[in-house]
PDB file of N, CA and C in Angstrom:
ATOM      1  N   MET A   1       6.979-131.842  -9.974  1.00  0.00           N
ATOM      2  CA  MET A   1       5.888-131.152  -9.310  1.00  0.00           C
ATOM      3  C   MET A   1       4.616-131.990  -9.450  1.00  0.00           C
ATOM      4  N   GLN A   2       3.916-132.125  -8.326  1.00  0.00           N
ATOM      5  CA  GLN A   2       2.689-132.912  -8.334  1.00  0.00           C
ATOM      6  C   GLN A   2       1.491-132.035  -8.639  1.00  0.00           C
ATOM      7  N   HIS A   3       0.459-132.687  -9.101  1.00  0.00           N
ATOM      8  CA  HIS A   3      -0.791-131.989  -9.378  1.00  0.00           C
ATOM      9  C   HIS A   3      -1.416-131.544  -8.052  1.00  0.00           C
ATOM     10  N   PRO A   4      -2.076-130.372  -8.007  1.00  0.00           N
ATOM     11  CA  PRO A   4      -2.659-129.875  -6.748  1.00  0.00           C
ATOM     12  C   PRO A   4      -3.687-130.815  -6.129  1.00  0.00           C
ATOM     13  N   VAL A   5      -4.284-131.676  -6.932  1.00  0.00           N
ATOM     14  CA  VAL A   5      -5.275-132.609  -6.393  1.00  0.00           C
ATOM     15  C   VAL A   5      -4.633-133.543  -5.374  1.00  0.00           C
ATOM     16  N   PHE A   6      -3.377-133.909  -5.586  1.00  0.00           N
ATOM     17  CA  PHE A   6      -2.693-134.795  -4.652  1.00  0.00           C
ATOM     18  C   PHE A   6      -2.488-134.105  -3.299  1.00  0.00           C
ATOM     19  N   TYR A   7      -2.201-132.803  -3.315  1.00  0.00           N
ATOM     20  CA  TYR A   7      -2.062-132.066  -2.058  1.00  0.00           C
ATOM     21  C   TYR A   7      -3.397-132.006  -1.317  1.00  0.00           C
ATOM     22  N   VAL A   8      -4.470-131.770  -2.063  1.00  0.00           N
ATOM     23  CA  VAL A   8      -5.793-131.714  -1.444  1.00  0.00           C
ATOM     24  C   VAL A   8      -6.155-133.077  -0.871  1.00  0.00           C
ATOM     25  N   ALA A   9      -5.798-134.142  -1.582  1.00  0.00           N
ATOM     26  CA  ALA A   9      -6.082-135.488  -1.082  1.00  0.00           C
ATOM     27  C   ALA A   9      -5.327-135.761   0.209  1.00  0.00           C
ATOM     28  N   ARG A  10      -4.078-135.319   0.304  1.00  0.00           N
ATOM     29  CA  ARG A  10      -3.303-135.510   1.532  1.00  0.00           C
ATOM     30  C   ARG A  10      -3.941-134.763   2.705  1.00  0.00           C
ATOM     31  N   VAL A  11      -4.363-133.539   2.444  1.00  0.00           N
ATOM     32  CA  VAL A  11      -4.971-132.732   3.508  1.00  0.00           C
ATOM     33  C   VAL A  11      -6.284-133.357   3.967  1.00  0.00           C
ATOM     34  N   THR A  12      -7.126-133.784   3.034  1.00  0.00           N
ATOM     35  CA  THR A  12      -8.418-134.374   3.426  1.00  0.00           C
ATOM     36  C   THR A  12      -8.220-135.695   4.164  1.00  0.00           C
ATOM     37  N   LYS A  13      -7.243-136.487   3.749  1.00  0.00           N
ATOM     38  CA  LYS A  13      -6.971-137.732   4.480  1.00  0.00           C
ATOM     39  C   LYS A  13      -6.484-137.436   5.891  1.00  0.00           C
ATOM     40  N   PHE A  14      -5.628-136.422   6.040  1.00  0.00           N
ATOM     41  CA  PHE A  14      -5.152-136.034   7.366  1.00  0.00           C
ATOM     42  C   PHE A  14      -6.312-135.576   8.241  1.00  0.00           C
ATOM     43  N   LEU A  15      -7.195-134.726   7.693  1.00  0.00           N
ATOM     44  CA  LEU A  15      -8.337-134.238   8.463  1.00  0.00           C
ATOM     45  C   LEU A  15      -9.290-135.372   8.830  1.00  0.00           C
ATOM     46  N   ASP A  16      -9.532-136.296   7.902  1.00  0.00           N
ATOM     47  CA  ASP A  16     -10.386-137.439   8.206  1.00  0.00           C
ATOM     48  C   ASP A  16      -9.802-138.275   9.345  1.00  0.00           C
ATOM     49  N   LYS A  17      -8.497-138.488   9.310  1.00  0.00           N
ATOM     50  CA  LYS A  17      -7.837-139.273  10.359  1.00  0.00           C
ATOM     51  C   LYS A  17      -7.929-138.556  11.707  1.00  0.00           C
ATOM     52  N   MET A  18      -7.719-137.225  11.703  1.00  0.00           N
ATOM     53  CA  MET A  18      -7.818-136.451  12.937  1.00  0.00           C
ATOM     54  C   MET A  18      -9.232-136.505  13.513  1.00  0.00           C
ATOM     55  N   ILE A  19     -10.236-136.402  12.656  1.00  0.00           N
ATOM     56  CA  ILE A  19     -11.621-136.433  13.116  1.00  0.00           C
ATOM     57  C   ILE A  19     -11.962-137.815  13.668  1.00  0.00           C
ATOM     58  N   GLN A  20     -11.485-138.874  13.022  1.00  0.00           N
ATOM     59  CA  GLN A  20     -11.759-140.224  13.517  1.00  0.00           C
ATOM     60  C   GLN A  20     -11.114-140.468  14.875  1.00  0.00           C
ATOM     61  N   GLU A  21      -9.891-139.990  15.057  1.00  0.00           N
ATOM     62  CA  GLU A  21      -9.171-140.269  16.287  1.00  0.00           C
ATOM     63  C   GLU A  21      -9.518-139.296  17.410  1.00  0.00           C
ATOM     64  N   HIS A  22      -9.712-138.014  17.099  1.00  0.00           N
ATOM     65  CA  HIS A  22      -9.891-136.988  18.125  1.00  0.00           C
ATOM     66  C   HIS A  22     -11.134-136.143  17.880  1.00  0.00           C
ATOM     67  N   GLY A  23     -12.164-136.707  17.289  1.00  0.00           N
ATOM     68  CA  GLY A  23     -13.354-135.938  16.927  1.00  0.00           C
ATOM     69  C   GLY A  23     -14.081-135.335  18.113  1.00  0.00           C
ATOM     70  N   GLU A  24     -14.186-136.105  19.208  1.00  0.00           N
ATOM     71  CA  GLU A  24     -14.910-135.604  20.379  1.00  0.00           C
ATOM     72  C   GLU A  24     -14.199-134.395  20.974  1.00  0.00           C
ATOM     73  N   TYR A  25     -12.867-134.484  21.063  1.00  0.00           N
ATOM     74  CA  TYR A  25     -12.102-133.381  21.647  1.00  0.00           C
ATOM     75  C   TYR A  25     -12.121-132.143  20.741  1.00  0.00           C
ATOM     76  N   LEU A  26     -12.075-132.371  19.425  1.00  0.00           N
ATOM     77  CA  LEU A  26     -12.166-131.241  18.489  1.00  0.00           C
ATOM     78  C   LEU A  26     -13.522-130.551  18.623  1.00  0.00           C
ATOM     79  N   PHE A  27     -14.591-131.348  18.733  1.00  0.00           N
ATOM     80  CA  PHE A  27     -15.929-130.781  18.866  1.00  0.00           C
ATOM     81  C   PHE A  27     -16.048-129.966  20.143  1.00  0.00           C
ATOM     82  N   MET A  28     -15.610-130.542  21.275  1.00  0.00           N
ATOM     83  CA  MET A  28     -15.706-129.817  22.539  1.00  0.00           C
ATOM     84  C   MET A  28     -14.858-128.544  22.520  1.00  0.00           C
ATOM     85  N   GLY A  29     -13.682-128.608  21.900  1.00  0.00           N
ATOM     86  CA  GLY A  29     -12.839-127.421  21.806  1.00  0.00           C
ATOM     87  C   GLY A  29     -13.479-126.331  20.967  1.00  0.00           C
ATOM     88  N   LEU A  30     -14.097-126.710  19.851  1.00  0.00           N
ATOM     89  CA  LEU A  30     -14.758-125.716  19.008  1.00  0.00           C
ATOM     90  C   LEU A  30     -15.983-125.118  19.690  1.00  0.00           C
ATOM     91  N   VAL A  31     -16.681-125.913  20.493  1.00  0.00           N
ATOM     92  CA  VAL A  31     -17.831-125.379  21.235  1.00  0.00           C
ATOM     93  C   VAL A  31     -17.362-124.331  22.235  1.00  0.00           C
ATOM     94  N   VAL A  32     -16.263-124.614  22.928  1.00  0.00           N
ATOM     95  CA  VAL A  32     -15.735-123.646  23.901  1.00  0.00           C
ATOM     96  C   VAL A  32     -15.271-122.377  23.189  1.00  0.00           C
ATOM     97  N   VAL A  33     -14.581-122.535  22.069  1.00  0.00           N
ATOM     98  CA  VAL A  33     -14.114-121.366  21.316  1.00  0.00           C
ATOM     99  C   VAL A  33     -15.296-120.527  20.837  1.00  0.00           C
ATOM    100  N   CYS A  34     -16.347-121.164  20.337  1.00  0.00           N
ATOM    101  CA  CYS A  34     -17.529-120.426  19.874  1.00  0.00           C
ATOM    102  C   CYS A  34     -18.218-119.712  21.028  1.00  0.00           C
ATOM    103  N   ALA A  35     -18.293-120.368  22.185  1.00  0.00           N
ATOM    104  CA  ALA A  35     -18.913-119.722  23.344  1.00  0.00           C
ATOM    105  C   ALA A  35     -18.110-118.493  23.775  1.00  0.00           C
ATOM    106  N   VAL A  36     -16.793-118.601  23.773  1.00  0.00           N
ATOM    107  CA  VAL A  36     -15.948-117.464  24.145  1.00  0.00           C
ATOM    108  C   VAL A  36     -16.121-116.320  23.149  1.00  0.00           C
ATOM    109  N   VAL A  37     -16.184-116.630  21.869  1.00  0.00           N
ATOM    110  CA  VAL A  37     -16.364-115.593  20.844  1.00  0.00           C
ATOM    111  C   VAL A  37     -17.725-114.909  21.007  1.00  0.00           C
ATOM    112  N   LEU A  38     -18.780-115.682  21.285  1.00  0.00           N
ATOM    113  CA  LEU A  38     -20.098-115.080  21.477  1.00  0.00           C
ATOM    114  C   LEU A  38     -20.123-114.173  22.703  1.00  0.00           C
ATOM    115  N   VAL A  39     -19.519-114.610  23.794  1.00  0.00           N
ATOM    116  CA  VAL A  39     -19.470-113.768  24.996  1.00  0.00           C
ATOM    117  C   VAL A  39     -18.694-112.492  24.706  1.00  0.00           C
ATOM    118  N   TRP A  40     -17.589-112.607  23.989  1.00  0.00           N
ATOM    119  CA  TRP A  40     -16.808-111.420  23.654  1.00  0.00           C
ATOM    120  C   TRP A  40     -17.620-110.469  22.769  1.00  0.00           C
ATOM    121  N   MET A  41     -18.355-111.010  21.793  1.00  0.00           N
ATOM    122  CA  MET A  41     -19.131-110.158  20.885  1.00  0.00           C
ATOM    123  C   MET A  41     -20.205-109.371  21.628  1.00  0.00           C
ATOM    124  N   PHE A  42     -20.869-110.015  22.590  1.00  0.00           N
ATOM    125  CA  PHE A  42     -21.983-109.369  23.259  1.00  0.00           C
ATOM    126  C   PHE A  42     -21.558-108.480  24.426  1.00  0.00           C
ATOM    127  N   THR A  43     -20.350-108.653  24.929  1.00  0.00           N
ATOM    128  CA  THR A  43     -19.944-107.856  26.091  1.00  0.00           C
ATOM    129  C   THR A  43     -18.930-106.769  25.756  1.00  0.00           C
ATOM    130  N   ARG A  44     -18.427-106.715  24.557  1.00  0.00           N
ATOM    131  CA  ARG A  44     -17.412-105.717  24.230  1.00  0.00           C
ATOM    132  C   ARG A  44     -18.042-104.331  24.120  1.00  0.00           C
ATOM    133  N   THR A  45     -17.215-103.327  24.349  1.00  0.00           N
ATOM    134  CA  THR A  45     -17.690-101.955  24.189  1.00  0.00           C
ATOM    135  C   THR A  45     -17.378-101.503  22.769  1.00  0.00           C
ATOM    136  N   ARG A  46     -18.316-100.804  22.194  1.00  0.00           N
ATOM    137  CA  ARG A  46     -18.152-100.372  20.804  1.00  0.00           C
ATOM    138  C   ARG A  46     -17.394 -99.055  20.747  1.00  0.00           C
ATOM    139  N   LYS A  47     -16.549 -98.920  19.734  1.00  0.00           N
ATOM    140  CA  LYS A  47     -15.819 -97.673  19.531  1.00  0.00           C
ATOM    141  C   LYS A  47     -16.742 -96.606  18.953  1.00  0.00           C
ATOM    142  N   ASN A  48     -17.593 -97.012  18.040  1.00  0.00           N
ATOM    143  CA  ASN A  48     -18.533 -96.085  17.405  1.00  0.00           C
ATOM    144  C   ASN A  48     -19.932 -96.372  17.948  1.00  0.00           C
ATOM    145  N   PRO A  49     -20.726 -95.345  18.207  1.00  0.00           N
ATOM    146  CA  PRO A  49     -22.085 -95.602  18.702  1.00  0.00           C
ATOM    147  C   PRO A  49     -22.940 -96.238  17.608  1.00  0.00           C
ATOM    148  N   VAL A  50     -23.911 -96.978  18.058  1.00  0.00           N
ATOM    149  CA  VAL A  50     -24.820 -97.631  17.124  1.00  0.00           C
ATOM    150  C   VAL A  50     -25.827 -96.600  16.649  1.00  0.00           C
ATOM    151  N   HIS A  51     -25.960 -96.439  15.354  1.00  0.00           N
ATOM    152  CA  HIS A  51     -26.886 -95.472  14.788  1.00  0.00           C
ATOM    153  C   HIS A  51     -28.269 -96.098  14.697  1.00  0.00           C
ATOM    154  N   GLU A  52     -29.280 -95.262  14.961  1.00  0.00           N
ATOM    155  CA  GLU A  52     -30.643 -95.757  14.847  1.00  0.00           C
ATOM    156  C   GLU A  52     -30.983 -95.941  13.377  1.00  0.00           C
ATOM    157  N   MET A  53     -31.723 -96.997  13.108  1.00  0.00           N
ATOM    158  CA  MET A  53     -32.063 -97.307  11.735  1.00  0.00           C
ATOM    159  C   MET A  53     -33.543 -97.667  11.688  1.00  0.00           C
ATOM    160  N   SER A  54     -34.244 -97.113  10.738  1.00  0.00           N
ATOM    161  CA  SER A  54     -35.660 -97.429  10.621  1.00  0.00           C
ATOM    162  C   SER A  54     -35.832 -98.656   9.733  1.00  0.00           C
ATOM    163  N   VAL A  55     -36.766 -99.490  10.131  1.00  0.00           N
ATOM    164  CA  VAL A  55     -37.029-100.717   9.401  1.00  0.00           C
ATOM    165  C   VAL A  55     -38.477-100.701   8.971  1.00  0.00           C
ATOM    166  N   VAL A  56     -38.718-101.002   7.720  1.00  0.00           N
ATOM    167  CA  VAL A  56     -40.071-101.059   7.185  1.00  0.00           C
ATOM    168  C   VAL A  56     -40.363-102.509   6.843  1.00  0.00           C
ATOM    169  N   ILE A  57     -41.439-103.035   7.412  1.00  0.00           N
ATOM    170  CA  ILE A  57     -41.823-104.420   7.139  1.00  0.00           C
ATOM    171  C   ILE A  57     -43.015-104.401   6.201  1.00  0.00           C
ATOM    172  N   LEU A  58     -42.838-105.009   5.057  1.00  0.00           N
ATOM    173  CA  LEU A  58     -43.910-105.072   4.075  1.00  0.00           C
ATOM    174  C   LEU A  58     -44.496-106.475   4.068  1.00  0.00           C
ATOM    175  N   PRO A  59     -45.812-106.589   4.109  1.00  0.00           N
ATOM    176  CA  PRO A  59     -46.413-107.927   4.048  1.00  0.00           C
ATOM    177  C   PRO A  59     -46.266-108.484   2.639  1.00  0.00           C
ATOM    178  N   LEU A  60     -45.834-109.714   2.557  1.00  0.00           N
ATOM    179  CA  LEU A  60     -45.651-110.346   1.259  1.00  0.00           C
ATOM    180  C   LEU A  60     -46.762-111.360   1.022  1.00  0.00           C
ATOM    181  N   GLY A  61     -47.168-111.480  -0.192  1.00  0.00           N
ATOM    182  CA  GLY A  61     -48.151-112.482  -0.561  1.00  0.00           C
ATOM    183  C   GLY A  61     -49.594-112.065  -0.361  1.00  0.00           C
ATOM    184  N   LEU A  62     -49.839-110.883   0.139  1.00  0.00           N
ATOM    185  CA  LEU A  62     -51.203-110.427   0.308  1.00  0.00           C
ATOM    186  C   LEU A  62     -51.576-109.524  -0.853  1.00  0.00           C
ATOM    187  N   LEU A  63     -52.729-109.786  -1.414  1.00  0.00           N
ATOM    188  CA  LEU A  63     -53.191-108.962  -2.524  1.00  0.00           C
ATOM    189  C   LEU A  63     -53.844-107.703  -1.976  1.00  0.00           C
ATOM    190  N   PRO A  64     -53.703-106.598  -2.667  1.00  0.00           N
ATOM    191  CA  PRO A  64     -54.374-105.383  -2.204  1.00  0.00           C
ATOM    192  C   PRO A  64     -55.889-105.533  -2.329  1.00  0.00           C
ATOM    193  N   LYS A  65     -56.614-104.909  -1.399  1.00  0.00           N
ATOM    194  CA  LYS A  65     -58.074-105.007  -1.419  1.00  0.00           C
ATOM    195  C   LYS A  65     -58.623-104.152  -2.557  1.00  0.00           C
ATOM    196  N   ARG A  66     -59.535-104.759  -3.283  1.00  0.00           N
ATOM    197  CA  ARG A  66     -60.170-104.051  -4.387  1.00  0.00           C
ATOM    198  C   ARG A  66     -61.661-103.940  -4.108  1.00  0.00           C
ATOM    199  N   GLU A  67     -62.260-102.985  -4.738  1.00  0.00           N
ATOM    200  CA  GLU A  67     -63.710-102.859  -4.622  1.00  0.00           C
ATOM    201  C   GLU A  67     -64.337-104.006  -5.392  1.00  0.00           C
ATOM    202  N   SER A  68     -65.333-104.617  -4.777  1.00  0.00           N
ATOM    203  CA  SER A  68     -65.974-105.753  -5.440  1.00  0.00           C
ATOM    204  C   SER A  68     -66.830-105.245  -6.597  1.00  0.00           C
ATOM    205  N   GLU A  69     -66.681-105.906  -7.708  1.00  0.00           N
ATOM    206  CA  GLU A  69     -67.456-105.542  -8.884  1.00  0.00           C
ATOM    207  C   GLU A  69     -68.707-106.413  -8.925  1.00  0.00           C
ATOM    208  N   THR A  70     -69.820-105.813  -9.226  1.00  0.00           N
ATOM    209  CA  THR A  70     -71.048-106.593  -9.322  1.00  0.00           C
ATOM    210  C   THR A  70     -71.084-107.260 -10.688  1.00  0.00           C
ATOM    211  N   GLU A  71     -71.291-108.560 -10.660  1.00  0.00           N
ATOM    212  CA  GLU A  71     -71.347-109.306 -11.917  1.00  0.00           C
ATOM    213  C   GLU A  71     -72.804-109.379 -12.372  1.00  0.00           C
ATOM    214  N   THR A  72     -72.995-109.279 -13.629  1.00  0.00           N
ATOM    215  CA  THR A  72     -74.337-109.404 -14.173  1.00  0.00           C
ATOM    216  C   THR A  72     -74.719-110.871 -14.222  1.00  0.00           C
ATOM    217  N   ILE A  73     -75.933-111.150 -13.844  1.00  0.00           N
ATOM    218  CA  ILE A  73     -76.399-112.534 -13.848  1.00  0.00           C
ATOM    219  C   ILE A  73     -77.054-112.786 -15.190  1.00  0.00           C
ATOM    220  N   LEU A  74     -76.479-113.706 -15.940  1.00  0.00           N
ATOM    221  CA  LEU A  74     -77.006-113.989 -17.266  1.00  0.00           C
ATOM    222  C   LEU A  74     -78.179-114.943 -17.192  1.00  0.00           C
ATOM    223  N   PHE A  75     -78.060-115.919 -16.345  1.00  0.00           N
ATOM    224  CA  PHE A  75     -79.133-116.901 -16.239  1.00  0.00           C
ATOM    225  C   PHE A  75     -79.645-116.883 -14.807  1.00  0.00           C
ATOM    226  N   ARG A  76     -80.898-116.550 -14.652  1.00  0.00           N
ATOM    227  CA  ARG A  76     -81.481-116.485 -13.326  1.00  0.00           C
ATOM    228  C   ARG A  76     -82.587-117.517 -13.246  1.00  0.00           C
ATOM    229  N   ASP A  77     -82.537-118.296 -12.187  1.00  0.00           N
ATOM    230  CA  ASP A  77     -83.577-119.313 -11.979  1.00  0.00           C
ATOM    231  C   ASP A  77     -84.560-118.752 -10.962  1.00  0.00           C
ATOM    232  N   ASP A  78     -85.717-118.310 -11.423  1.00  0.00           N
ATOM    233  CA  ASP A  78     -86.698-117.696 -10.557  1.00  0.00           C
ATOM    234  C   ASP A  78     -87.671-118.724  -9.971  1.00  0.00           C
ATOM    235  N   THR A  79     -87.482-119.969 -10.247  1.00  0.00           N
ATOM    236  CA  THR A  79     -88.427-120.979  -9.787  1.00  0.00           C
ATOM    237  C   THR A  79     -88.221-121.319  -8.301  1.00  0.00           C
ATOM    238  N   LEU A  80     -87.181-120.894  -7.713  1.00  0.00           N
ATOM    239  CA  LEU A  80     -86.936-121.219  -6.298  1.00  0.00           C
ATOM    240  C   LEU A  80     -87.777-120.438  -5.413  1.00  0.00           C
TER     241      LEU A  80
END
């Protein structure tokens, strides 16, 4: 019995060879398959109705507004 790493190496070498020889055709085929799946997803009729769901958007990174505190001036230059 061989170590599982050897099986993985065989599979990856096979896939690399397939991609080198037929990469363009594999890419075009996968694009067509993805397009068909997207069309099917958006045009199919649902068995169960879609339930309405409320969404609350909270602003992130904004600090809450606070009342400004008056700071006491320790050193005042009245010569101006």
